[in-house]
Amino acid sequence: MANQVEGKPEVLIQDGSSDQSAYIVAYSVFDSSRVSTFVISILLIVYGSFRSLNIEQEHRDKQKQKEPSSECSASFVSGVQASNGSAPSETENGMQTIDACQALLMPVGASLSLLVMFLFFDSLQMVFAVCTAVLATVAFAFLLLPMCQHVLRPCATNNKVSLGCCGRFTPAEVLSFFLSFLIVCVWILTGHWLLMDALGMGLCVAFIALVRLPSLKVSTLLLIGLLVYDVFWVFFSSYIFSTNVMVKVATRPAENPIGLLAKRFPMFSFTNEAPKLSLPGKLVFPSMQNSGHFSMLGMGDIVMPGLLLCFVLRYDAYKKAQFANGDVGLLPPVTYYQKITYFHCCLIGYFVGLLTATLSSELFQATQPALLYLVPFTLLPLLIMAYLKGDLRRMWHEPFLAITQSKHLDV
């Protein structure tokens, strides 16, 4: 997992004028590759977060259909509690909730994975390529599923059909998987950066939509741990391994499985010139203004802040439902900052953090760990706003526990 913003250094004007240097930095920030990075990363986070919320709503609708008619009026609050507090709901939803222990161990696991890819890449590159292709196929099928459901809605039912030992799937799921498989095959044959980015987008959306952070405490532990991980491997790994391990792993191409088949079997000799594959662990955007210039953003810089934004979006929806139900634990908005949702606060913070990371990359002409900027600009405003709104204690521990109104007044 590569977490950085990187680009080919620009050539500075020789006279060293501060005005000219400032112009060059500003021009580089608004380069098409940078703008693409900003727009796509924000869109992926927003779409993945709302997709997760939609999956929860669909699950609650299915539960209501199974319940007796007298229980069909269950509130949003009870639905959120069920989907966050019970293992069966998580299994049915296909979602995974990260607990505090997993949040603490994730930076350690990411470091070990990075080391394995750095030290044994030549020996295991075919394994990495095949595993990445399989994961990308499933994730991109998840990304295409709503579009396929919309296209097939007039002419196909939502009933599942049996595919033997593979299981039971709806027609939309079969179509989305087939299209995803075709796109992965074209990517393997061509190695085109646009297809690699498309598969990376599918991985980002699937991770944000299907993985949950249960509380602000777990979110803080996870993001701070990954910030330390990112800073160490970008800034300090070169002192130990004589090279930037993060950048080396992120930019190293893998052997094409088709090329290996051509070497082993003469019938595949027409694919002997298959290109090497840049694995979709990052999003790469070439510049239209400067040939050879590109921007690179690691998937972790989208997914990890995206999990936080998905969490606060669910909490915003939960609070809105409590307002509608008239729970006394939460007062209606009074001041201007109480009218700002947590999701909008974190989304603005993500944009500012990404802009700061981009400016730092241009000013220092070096790779920057994007989480060094994204984590403070998303987490700190959220903590401050939660404190001002009086939600900090609740969000930190059990954010989705219902508050019931007492029928008796204490005298």
Protein backbone atom coordinates (compact mmCIF):
# COMPACT_ATOMS: atom_id res chain seq x y z
CA MET A 1 0.00 0.00 0.00
CA ALA A 2 1.55 3.26 -1.11
CA ASN A 3 0.48 6.36 0.77
CA GLN A 4 1.97 9.40 -0.82
CA VAL A 5 1.53 12.17 -3.31
CA GLU A 6 4.25 12.12 -5.88
CA GLY A 7 5.12 13.77 -9.15
CA LYS A 8 8.08 14.24 -11.42
CA PRO A 9 9.91 17.38 -10.22
CA GLU A 10 9.34 20.49 -12.26
CA VAL A 11 12.28 22.41 -13.75
CA LEU A 12 12.66 25.69 -11.86
CA ILE A 13 13.57 28.97 -13.58
CA GLN A 14 17.22 29.75 -13.16
CA ASP A 15 16.97 33.33 -11.88
CA GLY A 16 15.47 32.13 -8.61
CA SER A 17 12.79 34.81 -8.48
CA SER A 18 10.33 34.19 -5.63
CA ASP A 19 7.42 35.38 -7.77
CA GLN A 20 8.33 33.00 -10.55
CA SER A 21 8.81 30.15 -8.09
CA ALA A 22 5.41 30.85 -6.54
CA TYR A 23 3.88 30.88 -10.02
CA ILE A 24 5.46 27.51 -10.82
CA VAL A 25 4.16 25.98 -7.59
CA ALA A 26 0.67 27.34 -8.21
CA TYR A 27 0.75 26.11 -11.79
CA SER A 28 1.85 22.65 -10.63
CA VAL A 29 -0.93 22.46 -8.02
CA PHE A 30 -3.58 23.24 -10.64
CA ASP A 31 -2.07 20.84 -13.15
CA SER A 32 -4.61 18.45 -14.67
CA SER A 33 -3.03 15.48 -12.89
CA ARG A 34 -3.39 17.19 -9.51
CA VAL A 35 -6.95 18.29 -10.18
CA SER A 36 -7.84 14.74 -11.24
CA THR A 37 -6.36 13.41 -7.99
CA PHE A 38 -8.44 15.83 -5.92
CA VAL A 39 -11.73 15.23 -7.73
CA ILE A 40 -11.51 11.45 -8.03
CA SER A 41 -10.40 10.85 -4.43
CA ILE A 42 -13.24 12.99 -3.02
CA LEU A 43 -15.82 11.37 -5.31
CA LEU A 44 -14.68 7.88 -4.28
CA ILE A 45 -15.00 8.73 -0.59
CA VAL A 46 -18.44 10.31 -0.99
CA TYR A 47 -19.77 7.48 -3.17
CA GLY A 48 -18.33 4.73 -0.96
CA SER A 49 -19.79 6.34 2.19
CA PHE A 50 -23.28 6.70 0.74
CA ARG A 51 -23.05 3.21 -0.73
CA SER A 52 -22.39 1.87 2.77
CA LEU A 53 -25.38 3.80 4.11
CA ASN A 54 -27.54 2.43 1.31
CA ILE A 55 -26.46 -1.15 2.08
CA GLU A 56 -27.56 -0.64 5.69
CA GLN A 57 -30.93 0.68 4.54
CA GLU A 58 -31.45 -2.28 2.21
CA HIS A 59 -30.61 -4.65 5.05
CA ARG A 60 -33.14 -2.96 7.34
CA ASP A 61 -35.80 -3.16 4.63
CA LYS A 62 -35.20 -6.90 4.29
CA GLN A 63 -35.44 -7.33 8.05
CA LYS A 64 -38.77 -5.48 8.11
CA GLN A 65 -40.15 -7.75 5.41
CA LYS A 66 -39.25 -10.80 7.49
CA GLU A 67 -40.73 -9.39 10.71
CA PRO A 68 -44.43 -9.58 11.63
CA SER A 69 -46.55 -6.65 10.55
CA SER A 70 -46.76 -5.36 14.14
CA GLU A 71 -42.99 -4.90 14.19
CA CYS A 72 -42.59 -3.38 10.74
CA SER A 73 -42.45 0.14 12.19
CA ALA A 74 -38.98 -0.32 13.70
CA SER A 75 -37.00 2.89 13.72
CA PHE A 76 -33.73 3.76 12.05
CA VAL A 77 -32.09 3.76 15.46
CA SER A 78 -32.90 0.12 16.17
CA GLY A 79 -31.72 -0.79 12.68
CA VAL A 80 -28.39 0.88 13.21
CA GLN A 81 -27.95 -0.83 16.55
CA ALA A 82 -28.69 -4.24 15.06
CA SER A 83 -26.34 -3.76 12.15
CA ASN A 84 -23.53 -2.54 14.40
CA GLY A 85 -23.93 -4.66 17.48
CA SER A 86 -24.59 -8.19 16.33
CA ALA A 87 -22.44 -10.59 14.40
CA PRO A 88 -25.28 -12.14 12.39
CA SER A 89 -26.19 -8.76 10.90
CA GLU A 90 -22.60 -8.19 9.86
CA THR A 91 -22.54 -11.57 8.17
CA GLU A 92 -25.77 -10.94 6.33
CA ASN A 93 -24.62 -7.50 5.28
CA GLY A 94 -21.26 -8.79 4.11
CA MET A 95 -19.64 -6.06 6.25
CA GLN A 96 -16.68 -6.24 8.59
CA THR A 97 -16.31 -4.08 11.70
CA ILE A 98 -12.80 -3.19 12.87
CA ASP A 99 -12.31 -3.41 16.63
CA ALA A 100 -9.66 -1.68 18.74
CA CYS A 101 -7.27 -4.64 18.65
CA GLN A 102 -7.44 -4.86 14.86
CA ALA A 103 -6.93 -1.10 14.60
CA LEU A 104 -3.73 -1.34 16.65
CA LEU A 105 -2.42 -4.32 14.68
CA MET A 106 -3.22 -2.96 11.22
CA PRO A 107 -0.09 -0.73 10.96
CA VAL A 108 2.03 -3.70 12.04
CA GLY A 109 0.42 -5.94 9.43
CA ALA A 110 0.81 -3.26 6.76
CA SER A 111 4.50 -2.91 7.63
CA LEU A 112 5.08 -6.65 7.39
CA SER A 113 3.26 -6.80 4.04
CA LEU A 114 5.33 -3.89 2.75
CA LEU A 115 8.55 -5.59 3.81
CA VAL A 116 7.57 -8.86 2.14
CA MET A 117 6.77 -7.05 -1.11
CA PHE A 118 10.05 -5.13 -0.91
CA LEU A 119 12.33 -8.05 -0.07
CA PHE A 120 10.68 -10.87 -2.02
CA PHE A 121 8.94 -9.07 -4.87
CA ASP A 122 10.99 -10.75 -7.62
CA SER A 123 10.17 -14.21 -6.27
CA LEU A 124 6.49 -13.56 -5.51
CA GLN A 125 5.55 -11.00 -8.14
CA MET A 126 3.41 -13.52 -10.04
CA VAL A 127 1.50 -14.34 -6.84
CA PHE A 128 0.99 -10.61 -6.18
CA ALA A 129 -0.25 -10.06 -9.74
CA VAL A 130 -2.72 -12.96 -9.67
CA CYS A 131 -4.08 -12.11 -6.20
CA THR A 132 -4.45 -8.46 -7.18
CA ALA A 133 -6.32 -9.44 -10.36
CA VAL A 134 -8.75 -11.63 -8.40
CA LEU A 135 -9.40 -8.95 -5.76
CA ALA A 136 -9.77 -6.26 -8.42
CA THR A 137 -12.30 -8.39 -10.31
CA VAL A 138 -14.52 -8.81 -7.25
CA ALA A 139 -14.17 -5.16 -6.17
CA PHE A 140 -14.88 -3.74 -9.61
CA ALA A 141 -17.93 -6.01 -9.91
CA PHE A 142 -19.15 -4.45 -6.65
CA LEU A 143 -18.61 -1.01 -8.19
CA LEU A 144 -20.54 -1.94 -11.35
CA LEU A 145 -23.41 -3.67 -9.53
CA PRO A 146 -25.75 -0.63 -9.11
CA MET A 147 -25.38 0.24 -12.80
CA CYS A 148 -26.15 -3.35 -13.82
CA GLN A 149 -29.17 -3.42 -11.50
CA HIS A 150 -30.48 -0.23 -13.11
CA VAL A 151 -29.96 -1.56 -16.64
CA LEU A 152 -31.58 -4.95 -15.97
CA ARG A 153 -34.47 -3.68 -13.84
CA PRO A 154 -36.99 -3.43 -16.74
CA CYS A 155 -36.22 -6.85 -18.18
CA ALA A 156 -35.09 -9.11 -15.31
CA THR A 157 -36.25 -10.06 -11.85
CA ASN A 158 -34.18 -9.83 -8.71
CA ASN A 159 -34.48 -13.56 -8.04
CA LYS A 160 -31.24 -15.43 -7.59
CA VAL A 161 -30.23 -18.16 -10.01
CA SER A 162 -28.05 -21.13 -9.16
CA LEU A 163 -24.60 -21.41 -10.74
CA GLY A 164 -23.78 -24.81 -9.33
CA CYS A 165 -20.92 -24.91 -6.86
CA CYS A 166 -20.33 -21.16 -7.29
CA GLY A 167 -23.52 -20.31 -5.40
CA ARG A 168 -26.67 -18.31 -6.15
CA PHE A 169 -26.55 -14.86 -7.73
CA THR A 170 -28.93 -12.31 -9.22
CA PRO A 171 -28.69 -11.53 -12.98
CA ALA A 172 -27.23 -8.12 -12.14
CA GLU A 173 -24.47 -9.72 -10.04
CA VAL A 174 -23.62 -12.14 -12.86
CA LEU A 175 -23.48 -9.31 -15.41
CA SER A 176 -21.34 -7.07 -13.20
CA PHE A 177 -18.88 -9.90 -12.55
CA PHE A 178 -18.69 -10.73 -16.26
CA LEU A 179 -17.98 -7.09 -17.19
CA SER A 180 -15.43 -6.79 -14.42
CA PHE A 181 -13.69 -9.96 -15.58
CA LEU A 182 -13.48 -8.59 -19.15
CA ILE A 183 -11.98 -5.31 -17.92
CA VAL A 184 -9.36 -7.14 -15.84
CA CYS A 185 -8.46 -9.28 -18.89
CA VAL A 186 -8.02 -6.16 -21.03
CA TRP A 187 -5.88 -4.60 -18.31
CA ILE A 188 -3.63 -7.68 -18.19
CA LEU A 189 -3.24 -7.62 -21.98
CA THR A 190 -2.57 -3.88 -22.27
CA GLY A 191 -1.37 -2.72 -18.85
CA HIS A 192 -3.06 0.64 -19.50
CA TRP A 193 -2.94 3.10 -16.60
CA LEU A 194 -6.61 4.07 -17.04
CA LEU A 195 -7.78 0.49 -16.48
CA MET A 196 -5.43 0.19 -13.52
CA ASP A 197 -7.01 3.32 -12.02
CA ALA A 198 -10.52 1.95 -12.66
CA LEU A 199 -9.67 -1.26 -10.79
CA GLY A 200 -8.11 0.76 -7.98
CA MET A 201 -11.29 2.82 -7.72
CA GLY A 202 -13.31 -0.37 -7.35
CA LEU A 203 -11.04 -1.51 -4.52
CA CYS A 204 -11.40 1.86 -2.75
CA VAL A 205 -15.20 1.91 -2.98
CA ALA A 206 -15.54 -1.72 -1.87
CA PHE A 207 -13.30 -1.20 1.15
CA ILE A 208 -15.04 2.01 2.26
CA ALA A 209 -18.52 0.56 1.78
CA LEU A 210 -17.94 -2.87 3.36
CA VAL A 211 -15.60 -2.09 6.30
CA ARG A 212 -16.84 -0.19 9.33
CA LEU A 213 -15.34 1.80 12.16
CA PRO A 214 -17.62 1.34 15.21
CA SER A 215 -16.54 4.38 17.24
CA LEU A 216 -14.38 7.48 17.30
CA LYS A 217 -11.96 5.72 19.64
CA VAL A 218 -11.23 2.97 17.11
CA SER A 219 -11.05 5.55 14.31
CA THR A 220 -8.45 7.58 16.21
CA LEU A 221 -6.34 4.52 17.04
CA LEU A 222 -6.39 3.36 13.43
CA LEU A 223 -5.59 6.70 11.81
CA ILE A 224 -2.83 7.67 14.24
CA GLY A 225 -1.21 4.25 13.88
CA LEU A 226 -1.30 4.48 10.08
CA LEU A 227 0.06 8.04 10.22
CA VAL A 228 3.12 6.77 12.12
CA TYR A 229 3.42 3.87 9.67
CA ASP A 230 3.23 6.22 6.67
CA VAL A 231 5.75 8.73 8.03
CA PHE A 232 8.25 6.03 8.96
CA TRP A 233 8.22 4.20 5.62
CA VAL A 234 8.32 7.38 3.53
CA PHE A 235 10.80 9.48 5.52
CA PHE A 236 12.97 7.02 7.48
CA SER A 237 13.05 3.74 5.54
CA SER A 238 15.84 5.06 3.30
CA TYR A 239 18.18 5.25 6.32
CA ILE A 240 17.74 1.50 6.91
CA PHE A 241 17.26 0.08 3.40
CA SER A 242 19.15 2.74 1.38
CA THR A 243 15.99 3.46 -0.63
CA ASN A 244 12.45 4.73 -0.07
CA VAL A 245 10.65 1.44 0.52
CA MET A 246 7.16 2.90 0.08
CA VAL A 247 7.90 4.47 -3.29
CA LYS A 248 9.91 1.46 -4.46
CA VAL A 249 7.07 -0.96 -3.79
CA ALA A 250 4.39 1.37 -5.17
CA THR A 251 6.17 1.99 -8.48
CA ARG A 252 7.71 -1.44 -9.13
CA PRO A 253 5.97 -3.25 -12.04
CA ALA A 254 5.17 -6.95 -11.90
CA GLU A 255 5.65 -9.59 -14.56
CA ASN A 256 2.59 -10.20 -16.69
CA PRO A 257 1.02 -13.67 -16.19
CA ILE A 258 0.33 -13.78 -19.94
CA GLY A 259 4.03 -13.29 -20.63
CA LEU A 260 4.85 -16.22 -18.35
CA LEU A 261 2.38 -18.40 -20.26
CA ALA A 262 4.04 -17.40 -23.53
CA LYS A 263 7.41 -18.57 -22.19
CA ARG A 264 6.03 -21.87 -20.92
CA PHE A 265 3.62 -22.79 -23.75
CA PRO A 266 4.35 -22.15 -27.45
CA MET A 267 0.64 -21.77 -28.26
CA PHE A 268 0.66 -18.43 -26.39
CA SER A 269 3.66 -17.07 -28.27
CA PHE A 270 1.58 -14.25 -29.75
CA THR A 271 1.47 -12.71 -26.24
CA ASN A 272 5.23 -12.84 -25.75
CA GLU A 273 5.41 -9.04 -25.68
CA ALA A 274 2.84 -8.65 -22.90
CA PRO A 275 3.59 -5.47 -20.89
CA LYS A 276 4.58 -5.48 -17.26
CA LEU A 277 1.76 -4.62 -14.87
CA SER A 278 1.70 -1.73 -12.44
CA LEU A 279 -0.41 -3.14 -9.62
CA PRO A 280 -3.53 -1.11 -8.70
CA GLY A 281 -2.44 -0.12 -5.21
CA LYS A 282 -2.49 3.54 -6.14
CA LEU A 283 -4.16 5.98 -8.51
CA VAL A 284 -1.94 7.49 -11.20
CA PHE A 285 -2.94 10.52 -13.27
CA PRO A 286 -0.67 11.75 -16.09
CA SER A 287 -0.55 15.46 -16.84
CA MET A 288 -1.97 16.83 -20.08
CA GLN A 289 0.18 19.95 -19.85
CA ASN A 290 3.58 18.41 -19.09
CA SER A 291 4.63 15.22 -20.82
CA GLY A 292 6.13 12.74 -18.36
CA HIS A 293 4.62 14.46 -15.31
CA PHE A 294 2.21 12.45 -13.17
CA SER A 295 0.51 12.51 -9.79
CA MET A 296 0.27 9.40 -7.65
CA LEU A 297 -1.96 8.90 -4.62
CA GLY A 298 -1.90 5.68 -2.62
CA MET A 299 -5.15 3.82 -2.03
CA GLY A 300 -4.58 4.05 1.70
CA ASP A 301 -4.78 7.83 1.47
CA ILE A 302 -8.32 7.45 0.14
CA VAL A 303 -9.57 4.39 2.02
CA MET A 304 -8.43 5.18 5.57
CA PRO A 305 -9.81 8.74 5.76
CA GLY A 306 -12.78 7.41 3.80
CA LEU A 307 -13.58 4.96 6.61
CA LEU A 308 -13.69 7.89 9.03
CA LEU A 309 -16.01 9.87 6.76
CA CYS A 310 -18.24 6.82 6.33
CA PHE A 311 -18.45 6.49 10.12
CA VAL A 312 -19.47 10.15 10.63
CA LEU A 313 -21.99 9.94 7.77
CA ARG A 314 -23.67 7.02 9.53
CA TYR A 315 -23.64 8.98 12.78
CA ASP A 316 -25.18 12.02 11.06
CA ALA A 317 -27.96 9.82 9.70
CA TYR A 318 -28.42 8.26 13.14
CA LYS A 319 -28.76 11.68 14.81
CA LYS A 320 -31.21 12.81 12.15
CA ALA A 321 -33.36 9.77 12.87
CA GLN A 322 -33.23 10.49 16.59
CA PHE A 323 -34.36 14.07 15.99
CA ALA A 324 -37.28 12.71 13.95
CA ASN A 325 -38.19 10.28 16.78
CA GLY A 326 -38.06 13.05 19.40
CA ASP A 327 -35.39 11.51 21.65
CA VAL A 328 -34.44 13.82 24.52
CA GLY A 329 -30.78 12.92 24.58
CA LEU A 330 -30.06 15.16 21.61
CA LEU A 331 -31.18 18.78 21.40
CA PRO A 332 -32.16 20.44 18.10
CA PRO A 333 -29.51 22.62 16.44
CA VAL A 334 -29.22 26.14 17.82
CA THR A 335 -25.87 27.65 16.89
CA TYR A 336 -24.26 27.79 13.45
CA TYR A 337 -21.69 25.06 14.10
CA GLN A 338 -24.43 22.66 15.20
CA LYS A 339 -25.98 23.00 11.77
CA ILE A 340 -22.77 21.71 10.12
CA THR A 341 -22.77 17.95 9.77
CA TYR A 342 -19.77 15.90 10.82
CA PHE A 343 -19.52 14.52 7.30
CA HIS A 344 -19.17 17.95 5.70
CA CYS A 345 -16.65 18.98 8.35
CA CYS A 346 -14.43 15.95 7.66
CA LEU A 347 -14.85 16.23 3.89
CA ILE A 348 -13.65 19.84 3.93
CA GLY A 349 -10.78 18.77 6.18
CA TYR A 350 -9.84 16.01 3.73
CA PHE A 351 -9.74 18.50 0.86
CA VAL A 352 -7.57 20.93 2.84
CA GLY A 353 -5.26 18.11 3.94
CA LEU A 354 -4.83 16.83 0.39
CA LEU A 355 -4.15 20.38 -0.82
CA THR A 356 -1.53 20.83 1.91
CA ALA A 357 0.13 17.53 0.98
CA THR A 358 0.24 18.62 -2.66
CA LEU A 359 1.78 22.00 -1.80
CA SER A 360 4.38 20.31 0.40
CA SER A 361 5.26 17.89 -2.38
CA GLU A 362 5.84 20.77 -4.79
CA LEU A 363 7.69 23.00 -2.34
CA PHE A 364 10.08 20.31 -1.08
CA GLN A 365 10.28 18.51 -4.44
CA ALA A 366 10.03 15.19 -2.61
CA THR A 367 7.52 12.47 -1.89
CA GLN A 368 5.26 13.31 1.05
CA PRO A 369 3.33 10.91 3.30
CA ALA A 370 -0.19 12.15 2.60
CA LEU A 371 -1.59 10.77 5.87
CA LEU A 372 0.71 13.18 7.71
CA TYR A 373 -1.60 15.94 6.47
CA LEU A 374 -4.89 14.10 5.95
CA VAL A 375 -5.20 12.66 9.46
CA PRO A 376 -4.82 15.96 11.40
CA PHE A 377 -7.04 17.90 8.98
CA THR A 378 -9.86 15.35 9.24
CA LEU A 379 -9.55 14.05 12.80
CA LEU A 380 -8.84 17.28 14.74
CA PRO A 381 -11.81 19.29 13.34
CA LEU A 382 -14.05 16.28 14.03
CA LEU A 383 -12.89 16.04 17.66
CA ILE A 384 -13.35 19.79 18.18
CA MET A 385 -16.81 19.84 16.63
CA ALA A 386 -17.91 16.76 18.58
CA TYR A 387 -16.78 18.47 21.79
CA LEU A 388 -18.64 21.68 20.93
CA LYS A 389 -21.81 19.76 20.10
CA GLY A 390 -21.58 17.63 23.23
CA ASP A 391 -21.25 14.38 21.28
CA LEU A 392 -17.58 13.60 21.99
CA ARG A 393 -18.06 11.20 24.90
CA ARG A 394 -20.81 9.32 23.10
CA MET A 395 -19.01 9.12 19.74
CA TRP A 396 -15.83 7.97 21.49
CA HIS A 397 -17.40 4.92 23.12
CA GLU A 398 -20.87 3.81 21.96
CA PRO A 399 -22.13 6.21 19.29
CA PHE A 400 -25.11 4.14 18.14
CA LEU A 401 -26.76 3.28 21.46
CA ALA A 402 -30.34 4.55 21.59
CA ILE A 403 -31.28 7.09 24.23
CA THR A 404 -34.79 6.52 25.50
CA GLN A 405 -36.92 9.22 27.02
CA SER A 406 -37.92 8.76 30.63
CA LYS A 407 -41.65 8.86 31.32
CA HIS A 408 -41.15 10.19 34.89
CA LEU A 409 -39.70 13.51 35.92
CA ASP A 410 -37.13 13.60 38.68
CA VAL A 411 -38.11 16.03 41.44
